[in-house]
Protein backbone atom coordinates (compact mmCIF):
# COMPACT_ATOMS: atom_id res chain seq x y z
CA MET A 1 -51.67 -84.99 -7.27
CA TYR A 2 -49.79 -84.57 -9.79
CA ILE A 3 -51.81 -81.21 -11.03
CA PHE A 4 -51.80 -80.02 -7.75
CA CYS A 5 -48.28 -80.33 -7.36
CA ILE A 6 -47.99 -77.98 -10.34
CA ILE A 7 -50.84 -75.40 -8.72
CA THR A 8 -48.53 -75.08 -5.99
CA GLY A 9 -45.27 -75.00 -7.75
CA VAL A 10 -46.58 -72.07 -10.05
CA ALA A 11 -48.31 -70.29 -6.83
CA GLN A 12 -45.20 -70.35 -4.74
CA PHE A 13 -42.84 -69.05 -8.19
CA VAL A 14 -45.52 -66.58 -9.05
CA LEU A 15 -45.64 -64.90 -5.39
CA MET A 16 -41.93 -64.93 -5.19
CA ILE A 17 -41.32 -63.07 -8.10
CA TYR A 18 -44.18 -60.53 -7.24
CA ILE A 19 -42.83 -60.21 -3.60
CA LEU A 20 -38.69 -59.60 -5.22
CA LEU A 21 -40.46 -57.19 -7.70
CA ASN A 22 -42.13 -55.34 -4.70
CA GLU A 23 -38.81 -55.19 -2.85
CA ILE A 24 -36.84 -54.08 -5.34
CA LYS A 25 -39.31 -51.00 -6.14
CA ILE A 26 -38.87 -50.14 -2.59
CA LYS A 27 -34.98 -50.26 -2.72
CA SER A 28 -34.69 -52.66 0.42
CA PRO A 29 -31.61 -55.03 1.10
CA ALA A 30 -34.54 -57.65 1.68
CA VAL A 31 -34.25 -57.79 -2.71
CA TYR A 32 -31.18 -60.17 -1.50
CA LEU A 33 -33.48 -62.53 0.50
CA TRP A 34 -35.96 -62.61 -2.04
CA ALA A 35 -33.28 -62.87 -4.88
CA THR A 36 -31.77 -65.55 -2.72
CA LEU A 37 -34.85 -68.08 -2.47
CA THR A 38 -36.14 -67.40 -6.03
CA VAL A 39 -32.46 -68.56 -7.72
CA MET A 40 -32.14 -71.79 -4.78
CA PHE A 41 -35.46 -72.43 -4.26
CA GLY A 42 -38.32 -70.68 -6.31
CA ALA A 43 -37.09 -71.81 -9.74
CA PRO A 44 -35.91 -75.37 -8.91
CA HIS A 45 -38.89 -76.23 -7.48
CA LEU A 46 -40.92 -74.87 -10.09
CA LEU A 47 -39.07 -77.19 -12.63
CA THR A 48 -39.24 -80.09 -10.04
CA SER A 49 -43.07 -79.24 -9.53
CA PHE A 50 -43.41 -80.45 -13.38
CA SER A 51 -40.61 -83.33 -13.70
CA LEU A 52 -40.63 -84.48 -10.66
CA ASN A 53 -36.81 -85.30 -11.06
CA VAL A 54 -36.07 -86.01 -7.41
CA GLU A 55 -36.51 -88.87 -5.16
CA TYR A 56 -39.55 -87.73 -3.85
CA SER A 57 -42.98 -88.32 -4.30
CA SER A 58 -45.48 -85.84 -5.74
CA ALA A 59 -47.75 -85.44 -2.74
CA VAL A 60 -44.12 -83.86 -0.81
CA ILE A 61 -43.11 -81.63 -3.63
CA ALA A 62 -46.54 -80.12 -3.03
CA GLU A 63 -46.57 -79.95 0.56
CA ALA A 64 -43.69 -78.01 -0.16
CA GLY A 65 -44.94 -75.54 -2.69
CA LEU A 66 -48.26 -75.26 -0.60
CA PHE A 67 -46.25 -74.37 2.81
CA VAL A 68 -44.20 -71.62 0.51
CA SER A 69 -47.16 -70.53 -1.23
CA LEU A 70 -48.88 -69.55 2.28
CA PHE A 71 -45.27 -68.30 3.58
CA CYS A 72 -45.44 -65.61 0.95
CA LEU A 73 -48.93 -65.12 1.52
CA LEU A 74 -48.42 -63.57 5.05
CA TYR A 75 -45.38 -62.44 4.37
CA ILE A 76 -47.39 -60.04 1.68
CA LEU A 77 -49.78 -59.14 4.18
CA VAL A 78 -48.08 -57.61 6.65
CA ARG A 79 -45.01 -55.91 4.74
CA HIS A 80 -45.27 -52.51 4.03
CA LYS A 81 -44.76 -50.66 0.83
CA ARG A 82 -42.80 -47.45 1.97
CA LYS A 83 -39.28 -47.13 0.43
CA CYS A 84 -36.48 -47.55 2.23
CA GLU A 85 -34.45 -44.02 2.49
CA PHE A 86 -31.28 -45.44 0.92
CA VAL A 87 -30.70 -44.24 -2.15
CA SER A 88 -32.17 -41.02 -1.62
CA LEU A 89 -28.91 -39.74 0.17
CA ILE A 90 -26.82 -40.91 -2.71
CA ASN A 91 -27.01 -38.00 -5.40
CA GLN A 92 -26.92 -35.94 -2.24
CA ASN A 93 -23.67 -33.61 -2.07
CA LYS A 94 -25.41 -31.23 0.64
CA THR A 95 -22.75 -30.14 3.55
CA THR A 96 -24.16 -29.14 6.96
CA GLY A 97 -21.64 -27.19 8.20
CA VAL A 98 -17.98 -27.66 8.66
CA GLU A 99 -18.34 -29.21 12.22
CA SER A 100 -20.12 -31.98 10.45
CA ASP A 101 -17.99 -32.27 7.43
CA TYR A 102 -15.48 -32.10 10.12
CA THR A 103 -17.00 -35.01 12.31
CA ASN A 104 -17.96 -37.23 9.23
CA SER A 105 -14.35 -37.26 7.61
CA ILE A 106 -12.84 -38.04 11.28
CA LEU A 107 -15.58 -41.09 11.23
CA GLU A 108 -14.67 -42.12 7.95
CA ILE A 109 -10.80 -42.36 8.35
CA ILE A 110 -11.34 -44.04 11.88
CA CYS A 111 -13.47 -46.55 10.71
CA LEU A 112 -11.71 -47.14 7.51
CA PHE A 113 -8.11 -47.82 9.63
CA PHE A 114 -9.93 -50.60 11.45
CA PHE A 115 -11.67 -52.18 8.40
CA VAL A 116 -8.16 -52.63 6.60
CA LEU A 117 -6.24 -53.13 9.81
CA SER A 118 -8.77 -56.28 10.96
CA MET A 119 -8.72 -57.44 7.21
CA LEU A 120 -4.84 -57.58 7.63
CA ILE A 121 -4.65 -59.01 10.44
CA TYR A 122 -7.15 -61.60 9.60
CA LEU A 123 -5.54 -62.49 6.67
CA ILE A 124 -1.84 -62.67 8.09
CA GLY A 125 -3.20 -64.80 10.55
CA ILE A 126 -4.57 -67.36 8.35
CA VAL A 127 -1.42 -67.31 6.30
CA ARG A 128 0.87 -68.00 9.26
CA SER A 129 -1.64 -71.17 10.60
CA GLN A 130 -1.31 -72.73 6.93
CA GLY A 131 2.46 -71.96 6.86
CA GLY A 132 2.12 -69.66 3.90
CA ILE A 133 -0.28 -68.25 1.32
CA LEU A 134 0.13 -71.09 -0.97
CA ASN A 135 -0.36 -73.54 1.64
CA SER A 136 -3.54 -72.27 2.32
CA SER A 137 -6.84 -74.33 1.11
CA TRP A 138 -10.60 -74.26 2.28
CA GLY A 139 -10.33 -77.64 4.55
CA SER A 140 -7.43 -76.21 6.75
CA VAL A 141 -9.07 -73.22 7.28
CA TYR A 142 -12.63 -74.61 7.88
CA ALA A 143 -10.89 -76.60 10.66
CA SER A 144 -9.07 -73.89 12.60
CA LYS A 145 -12.64 -72.51 12.80
CA ASN A 146 -14.19 -74.80 14.20
CA ASP A 147 -11.36 -75.24 16.56
CA SER A 148 -11.20 -71.33 17.60
CA ASN A 149 -13.60 -69.82 20.71
CA TYR A 150 -16.67 -68.12 20.54
CA VAL A 151 -14.56 -65.11 21.64
CA SER A 152 -11.64 -65.90 19.45
CA VAL A 153 -9.61 -62.94 17.74
CA ASN A 154 -10.30 -64.13 14.34
CA SER A 155 -14.62 -63.63 15.10
CA PHE A 156 -13.99 -60.63 16.47
CA LEU A 157 -11.71 -59.36 13.30
CA ILE A 158 -14.58 -61.02 10.85
CA ARG A 159 -17.50 -59.40 12.28
CA ILE A 160 -15.64 -55.94 12.25
CA ILE A 161 -14.83 -56.47 8.27
CA PHE A 162 -18.49 -57.35 7.39
CA ALA A 163 -19.79 -54.56 9.73
CA PHE A 164 -17.90 -52.02 7.29
CA SER A 165 -18.28 -53.91 3.96
CA GLY A 166 -20.40 -51.23 2.40
CA LEU A 167 -16.86 -49.02 2.45
CA SER A 168 -16.62 -49.98 -0.90
CA PHE A 169 -20.44 -49.14 -2.38
CA TYR A 170 -19.83 -45.60 -0.20
CA TYR A 171 -16.51 -44.54 -1.29
CA TYR A 172 -17.82 -45.55 -5.06
CA ILE A 173 -20.54 -43.05 -4.62
CA GLN A 174 -18.19 -40.28 -3.34
CA LYS A 175 -16.62 -40.67 -6.78
CA ARG A 176 -12.83 -41.67 -4.51
CA TYR A 177 -12.61 -44.90 -6.94
CA LYS A 178 -9.37 -46.01 -5.43
CA LEU A 179 -10.32 -46.71 -1.87
CA SER A 180 -13.95 -48.27 -3.42
CA ALA A 181 -11.10 -50.63 -5.61
CA LEU A 182 -9.41 -51.38 -2.56
CA ILE A 183 -12.12 -52.53 -0.55
CA ILE A 184 -13.09 -55.00 -3.63
CA LEU A 185 -9.37 -56.34 -3.68
CA LEU A 186 -9.40 -56.89 -0.18
CA PHE A 187 -12.47 -58.91 -0.18
CA GLY A 188 -11.27 -60.48 -3.03
CA LEU A 189 -7.86 -61.60 -1.56
CA LEU A 190 -9.97 -63.20 1.22
CA GLU A 191 -12.10 -64.91 -1.34
CA LEU A 192 -8.81 -66.43 -2.44
CA VAL A 193 -7.16 -67.69 0.76
CA THR A 194 -10.27 -69.07 2.54
CA ARG A 195 -12.44 -70.11 -0.64
CA ASN A 196 -15.48 -69.35 2.02
CA ARG A 197 -18.24 -68.38 -0.84
CA THR A 198 -19.74 -66.41 1.88
CA ARG A 199 -16.46 -64.18 1.65
CA VAL A 200 -16.96 -63.19 -1.72
CA LEU A 201 -20.46 -61.95 -0.73
CA PRO A 202 -19.73 -58.21 -0.54
CA VAL A 203 -18.65 -58.05 -4.16
CA PHE A 204 -21.61 -59.40 -5.70
CA ILE A 205 -23.56 -56.64 -3.22
CA PHE A 206 -21.43 -54.18 -4.54
CA PHE A 207 -21.91 -54.55 -8.05
CA ILE A 208 -25.76 -55.74 -7.58
CA THR A 209 -26.46 -52.91 -5.64
CA ILE A 210 -25.15 -50.37 -8.45
CA PHE A 211 -27.41 -52.00 -10.91
CA LEU A 212 -30.61 -51.84 -8.69
CA CYS A 213 -29.99 -47.86 -7.75
CA ARG A 214 -30.11 -47.23 -11.52
CA ILE A 215 -33.22 -48.72 -11.53
CA LYS A 216 -36.19 -45.57 -11.68
CA LYS A 217 -38.85 -48.34 -13.41
CA ILE A 218 -38.75 -52.15 -13.46
CA ARG A 219 -38.51 -52.95 -17.40
CA PHE A 220 -38.30 -55.97 -19.11
CA LYS A 221 -34.79 -55.26 -20.25
CA HIS A 222 -33.86 -55.25 -16.31
CA LEU A 223 -35.73 -58.73 -15.77
CA ILE A 224 -33.13 -59.75 -18.37
CA ILE A 225 -30.33 -57.66 -16.88
CA GLY A 226 -31.45 -59.72 -13.41
CA SER A 227 -31.78 -63.30 -15.14
CA LEU A 228 -28.23 -62.88 -16.24
CA ILE A 229 -26.96 -61.71 -13.27
CA ALA A 230 -28.36 -64.80 -11.31
CA VAL A 231 -26.86 -67.66 -13.57
CA VAL A 232 -23.46 -65.68 -13.21
CA SER A 233 -23.72 -65.36 -9.50
CA VAL A 234 -24.77 -69.22 -9.26
CA TYR A 235 -21.77 -70.19 -12.02
CA ILE A 236 -19.25 -68.00 -9.47
CA ILE A 237 -21.07 -69.66 -6.56
CA TYR A 238 -20.15 -73.10 -7.79
CA LEU A 239 -16.83 -72.16 -9.55
CA ILE A 240 -15.59 -71.74 -6.09
CA ARG A 241 -16.80 -75.02 -5.01
CA ALA A 242 -14.96 -76.21 -7.53
CA MET A 243 -11.75 -74.95 -6.64
CA ARG A 244 -12.02 -75.89 -3.28
CA TRP A 245 -11.47 -79.59 -4.66
CA MET A 246 -8.19 -78.35 -5.75
CA GLY A 247 -6.43 -78.42 -2.37
CA SER A 248 -3.67 -75.93 -1.78
CA LEU A 249 -3.64 -72.25 -3.41
CA SER A 250 -0.08 -73.65 -5.03
CA ASN A 251 -1.91 -76.88 -6.28
CA LEU A 252 -4.76 -74.84 -7.49
CA ILE A 253 -2.19 -72.72 -9.16
CA GLU A 254 0.06 -75.71 -10.99
CA ASN A 255 -3.01 -77.67 -12.11
CA PHE A 256 -5.03 -74.85 -13.15
CA SER A 257 -7.57 -75.87 -16.11
CA MET A 258 -10.43 -73.65 -16.89
CA ASN A 259 -11.72 -76.88 -18.80
CA ASP A 260 -11.74 -79.13 -15.81
CA LEU A 261 -13.14 -76.55 -13.63
CA ASN A 262 -16.18 -75.90 -16.24
CA ALA A 263 -16.60 -79.73 -16.90
CA THR A 264 -16.48 -80.03 -12.77
CA VAL A 265 -18.90 -76.99 -12.23
CA LEU A 266 -21.66 -78.74 -14.77
CA THR A 267 -21.35 -82.16 -13.38
CA PHE A 268 -22.55 -80.51 -9.89
CA LEU A 269 -25.19 -78.81 -11.88
CA LEU A 270 -26.30 -81.97 -13.61
CA ASP A 271 -25.84 -84.06 -10.50
CA GLN A 272 -28.28 -81.62 -8.82
CA ASN A 273 -25.54 -81.06 -6.25
CA GLY A 274 -24.38 -78.08 -4.34
CA GLU A 275 -26.41 -75.02 -3.26
CA LEU A 276 -29.21 -75.68 -5.99
CA ALA A 277 -29.94 -78.99 -4.19
CA LEU A 278 -30.34 -77.44 -0.51
CA ARG A 279 -34.19 -77.66 -0.93
CA LYS A 280 -33.95 -81.34 -1.35
CA ASP A 281 -33.54 -81.47 2.72
CA PHE A 282 -36.63 -79.64 3.06
CA TYR A 283 -38.38 -82.02 0.88
CA TYR A 284 -36.90 -84.85 3.14
CA PHE A 285 -38.44 -83.31 6.54
CA ILE A 286 -41.48 -82.86 4.63
CA SER A 287 -41.52 -86.83 3.72
CA LYS A 288 -40.47 -87.89 7.34
CA ASN A 289 -43.15 -85.37 9.27
CA ASN A 290 -40.13 -83.72 11.29
CA GLN A 291 -39.92 -86.88 13.11
CA PHE A 292 -35.95 -85.95 14.16
CA GLU A 293 -34.15 -85.12 17.50
CA GLY A 294 -34.15 -81.14 17.67
CA PHE A 295 -36.98 -80.50 15.42
CA ASN A 296 -40.49 -78.53 16.24
CA LYS A 297 -38.45 -76.71 19.30
CA GLY A 298 -38.03 -73.52 17.72
CA TYR A 299 -34.22 -73.57 18.54
CA THR A 300 -33.30 -71.09 15.72
CA TYR A 301 -35.26 -68.35 17.26
CA ILE A 302 -34.36 -69.28 20.67
CA ARG A 303 -30.71 -68.74 19.57
CA MET A 304 -31.70 -65.85 17.82
CA LEU A 305 -33.59 -64.16 21.11
CA LEU A 306 -30.32 -65.14 22.82
CA VAL A 307 -27.82 -63.66 20.15
CA TYR A 308 -25.22 -61.76 22.00
CA LEU A 309 -25.19 -64.48 24.92
CA PRO A 310 -22.58 -66.90 24.38
CA SER A 311 -23.57 -70.54 24.36
CA ARG A 312 -21.07 -71.52 27.21
CA TRP A 313 -22.48 -68.74 29.55
CA SER A 314 -26.20 -69.24 28.67
CA PHE A 315 -26.61 -71.94 31.79
CA GLY A 316 -28.06 -74.25 29.36
CA LEU A 317 -30.77 -71.56 27.70
CA LYS A 318 -29.21 -71.06 24.74
CA PRO A 319 -29.69 -74.34 22.72
CA GLU A 320 -26.98 -76.11 20.04
CA GLY A 321 -27.11 -74.62 16.39
CA PHE A 322 -30.44 -76.05 15.07
CA ASP A 323 -28.10 -76.36 11.67
CA LEU A 324 -26.28 -79.29 13.74
CA TYR A 325 -29.71 -81.21 14.32
CA MET A 326 -30.45 -80.86 10.56
CA SER A 327 -27.12 -82.11 9.62
CA VAL A 328 -27.69 -85.34 12.07
CA ALA A 329 -31.46 -85.67 10.56
CA THR A 330 -30.12 -85.77 6.98
CA GLY A 331 -27.53 -88.40 7.72
CA SER A 332 -24.18 -87.36 8.97
CA THR A 333 -22.25 -89.60 10.63
CA ARG A 334 -20.73 -87.17 13.36
CA TRP A 335 -22.20 -84.47 15.21
CA GLY A 336 -20.41 -80.70 14.45
CA GLY A 337 -21.45 -80.50 10.80
CA SER A 338 -24.42 -78.47 9.31
CA ALA A 339 -27.46 -78.76 6.98
CA HIS A 340 -29.00 -75.21 5.30
CA PRO A 341 -32.24 -76.42 3.56
CA THR A 342 -32.99 -72.60 2.27
CA LEU A 343 -35.00 -70.34 5.19
CA PHE A 344 -37.93 -72.44 4.24
CA GLY A 345 -36.58 -75.77 5.36
CA ASP A 346 -35.50 -73.98 8.33
CA CYS A 347 -38.73 -72.33 9.17
CA PHE A 348 -40.33 -76.11 8.74
CA GLY A 349 -37.71 -78.19 10.59
CA ASN A 350 -38.38 -75.40 13.68
CA PHE A 351 -41.89 -75.15 13.73
CA TYR A 352 -43.40 -77.80 11.30
CA TRP A 353 -46.52 -76.23 9.31
CA PHE A 354 -46.90 -73.41 12.04
CA GLY A 355 -43.63 -72.10 10.30
CA ILE A 356 -45.76 -70.70 7.81
CA LEU A 357 -46.46 -68.22 10.35
CA LEU A 358 -42.80 -67.27 10.17
CA GLY A 359 -43.61 -65.23 7.16
CA ILE A 360 -45.28 -62.71 9.55
CA PHE A 361 -41.79 -62.58 11.42
CA TRP A 362 -39.85 -62.35 8.43
CA ALA A 363 -41.93 -59.39 7.10
CA PHE A 364 -41.85 -57.40 10.58
CA LEU A 365 -38.25 -57.96 10.70
CA ALA A 366 -37.87 -56.71 7.11
CA ASN A 367 -39.71 -53.78 7.97
CA ARG A 368 -37.55 -52.89 10.94
CA ILE A 369 -34.36 -53.07 8.96
CA ASP A 370 -35.69 -50.90 6.76
CA ASN A 371 -36.95 -48.33 9.22
CA THR A 372 -33.66 -48.22 10.89
CA ILE A 373 -31.92 -47.42 7.57
CA SER A 374 -34.07 -44.83 7.10
CA ARG A 375 -33.30 -43.08 10.40
CA GLN A 376 -30.09 -42.87 9.76
CA LYS A 377 -28.88 -38.90 9.17
CA GLU A 378 -25.80 -39.94 7.89
CA LYS A 379 -25.43 -41.18 4.11
CA TYR A 380 -22.59 -43.39 5.79
CA TYR A 381 -24.34 -45.27 7.88
CA LYS A 382 -27.01 -45.91 5.68
CA VAL A 383 -24.87 -47.44 3.33
CA MET A 384 -22.93 -49.53 6.01
CA LEU A 385 -26.68 -50.79 7.42
CA TYR A 386 -27.53 -51.88 4.30
CA PHE A 387 -25.00 -53.90 3.46
CA ALA A 388 -24.68 -55.62 6.47
CA ALA A 389 -28.69 -56.49 6.15
CA SER A 390 -27.72 -57.14 2.35
CA TYR A 391 -25.16 -60.21 2.94
CA ALA A 392 -27.31 -61.38 5.95
CA TYR A 393 -29.96 -62.08 3.76
CA VAL A 394 -27.91 -63.84 1.41
CA VAL A 395 -26.73 -66.43 4.48
CA ILE A 396 -30.36 -66.70 6.09
CA ALA A 397 -31.99 -67.42 2.52
CA ARG A 398 -29.44 -70.60 2.25
CA GLY A 399 -30.79 -71.75 5.29
CA SER A 400 -28.12 -70.49 7.35
CA VAL A 401 -30.86 -68.67 9.38
CA TYR A 402 -29.03 -68.28 12.59
CA ASN A 403 -25.18 -67.12 11.34
CA GLY A 404 -26.93 -64.71 8.94
CA PHE A 405 -28.94 -62.79 11.66
CA SER A 406 -25.79 -63.22 13.63
CA GLU A 407 -23.74 -61.46 11.57
CA TYR A 408 -26.15 -58.44 11.10
CA ALA A 409 -26.88 -58.10 14.90
CA TRP A 410 -22.99 -57.83 15.33
CA SER A 411 -22.94 -55.69 12.63
CA PHE A 412 -25.34 -53.74 14.00
CA LEU A 413 -24.05 -53.39 17.26
CA ILE A 414 -20.51 -52.45 16.27
CA LEU A 415 -21.91 -49.57 13.86
CA MET A 416 -24.08 -48.23 16.50
CA PHE A 417 -21.24 -48.42 19.03
CA SER A 418 -18.88 -46.69 16.79
CA LYS A 419 -21.31 -44.03 15.50
CA THR A 420 -21.99 -42.72 19.28
CA MET A 421 -18.30 -43.58 20.31
CA LEU A 422 -16.92 -41.71 17.61
CA THR A 423 -19.11 -38.99 16.96
CA SER A 424 -18.59 -37.77 20.94
CA LEU A 425 -14.95 -37.79 20.64
CA SER A 426 -14.90 -35.70 17.53
CA LYS A 427 -17.12 -33.26 18.46
CA LYS A 428 -14.86 -32.86 21.88
CA HIS A 429 -11.83 -32.85 19.58
CA ILE A 430 -13.72 -30.28 17.54
CA SER A 431 -14.93 -27.82 20.57
CA CYS A 432 -11.20 -27.77 21.99
CA SER A 433 -10.40 -26.99 18.48
CA PHE A 434 -12.44 -23.90 18.04
CA LYS A 435 -11.74 -22.66 21.47
CA THR A 436 -7.89 -22.80 20.54
CA ILE A 437 -8.63 -20.61 17.85
CA LYS A 438 -10.66 -18.21 19.85
CA LYS A 439 -7.85 -17.88 22.29
CA ILE A 440 -5.38 -17.60 19.60
CA ARG A 441 -7.65 -14.64 17.94
CA GLY A 442 -8.23 -13.08 21.06
CA ARG A 443 -4.36 -12.88 21.78
CA LYS A 444 -4.26 -10.96 18.62
């Protein structure tokens, strides 16, 4: 069984690297899905396959490797290799007429206004609820989030913020570096106040996307740089987690010690705690054959189908979040926690071994998202959709599948609504302006 464990461990890692390299070649946002899966599952599971340094048998580890390998093979079979038309317009500065330029500038200004306004209202709301910025902490922000309603102002604001998170990259390729820096700083401030690790993702995606766009042909140096980026990203994520332990922002400032924080990060890594240990819940599900309440019923994917329908208005059709059931299964003593065993663990928990078939679903979804980005005529919306999908993919890969999918679904709705409404209003305004100019010229 140990030999089979090694074979499946190597197979899943090789297949994931193959998929990752293909996603880089076609410049798809799905690169973030597979990069995250490789870091959180592929590489750690490979090491576990050789060392068996977990409390599970080699049979369980082998089964996990086999599940992931089959999932990857099905993904490869369905995934198309057409380039995602994201990079193609970056270096193009062609104009399509005065009316088009005017419309695009109006759209950009209005969207930037709503983004900054939403960010400020959200931050001010958090600061006021915590009694000042120095009193803010991850625990208190998390508690207030759990007390909020589905249709709360904060949930609406955060959706607007992440729908337009690509503004930093858009202004960067427009060489409007001050505006790009402003967006990055705002996300940095959001992370400092909330210390929610997902809030810093747009900053990571900004810098990594710049690196990816410069790759014309994958070379060995790119693999080295990519590996270093992965190491730095993992360190920062663990560092943010360590900063949570400091409590409020005032405590963090008063007791700040880089040595202590580094020691905490090292402890997390040695104890196999945090993001790199999420896969252990997947092993646990395998060891118990999914014999838990709410498992094998596809709750995650039922919720995804009903993503725009609030649970309270679904008349029982929309089940509770599957992460709640997984949390209880893994030992949580209270209903309301969450567990995220990476995308693979979520697939297994939802459908048992039939979960390998979800490799087909995720390949199909990746194809659709790429096509949606490619169909956009405006560079602006290509970038916004690319960043929205990239953010969602990281969250999905971590195992918070419904939350990631929901963020993309709402971002897509907001972006398409803004595109339709603002373009219509801009064209009407332009038409009136042109008529006024003609009247003035006629009088002369």
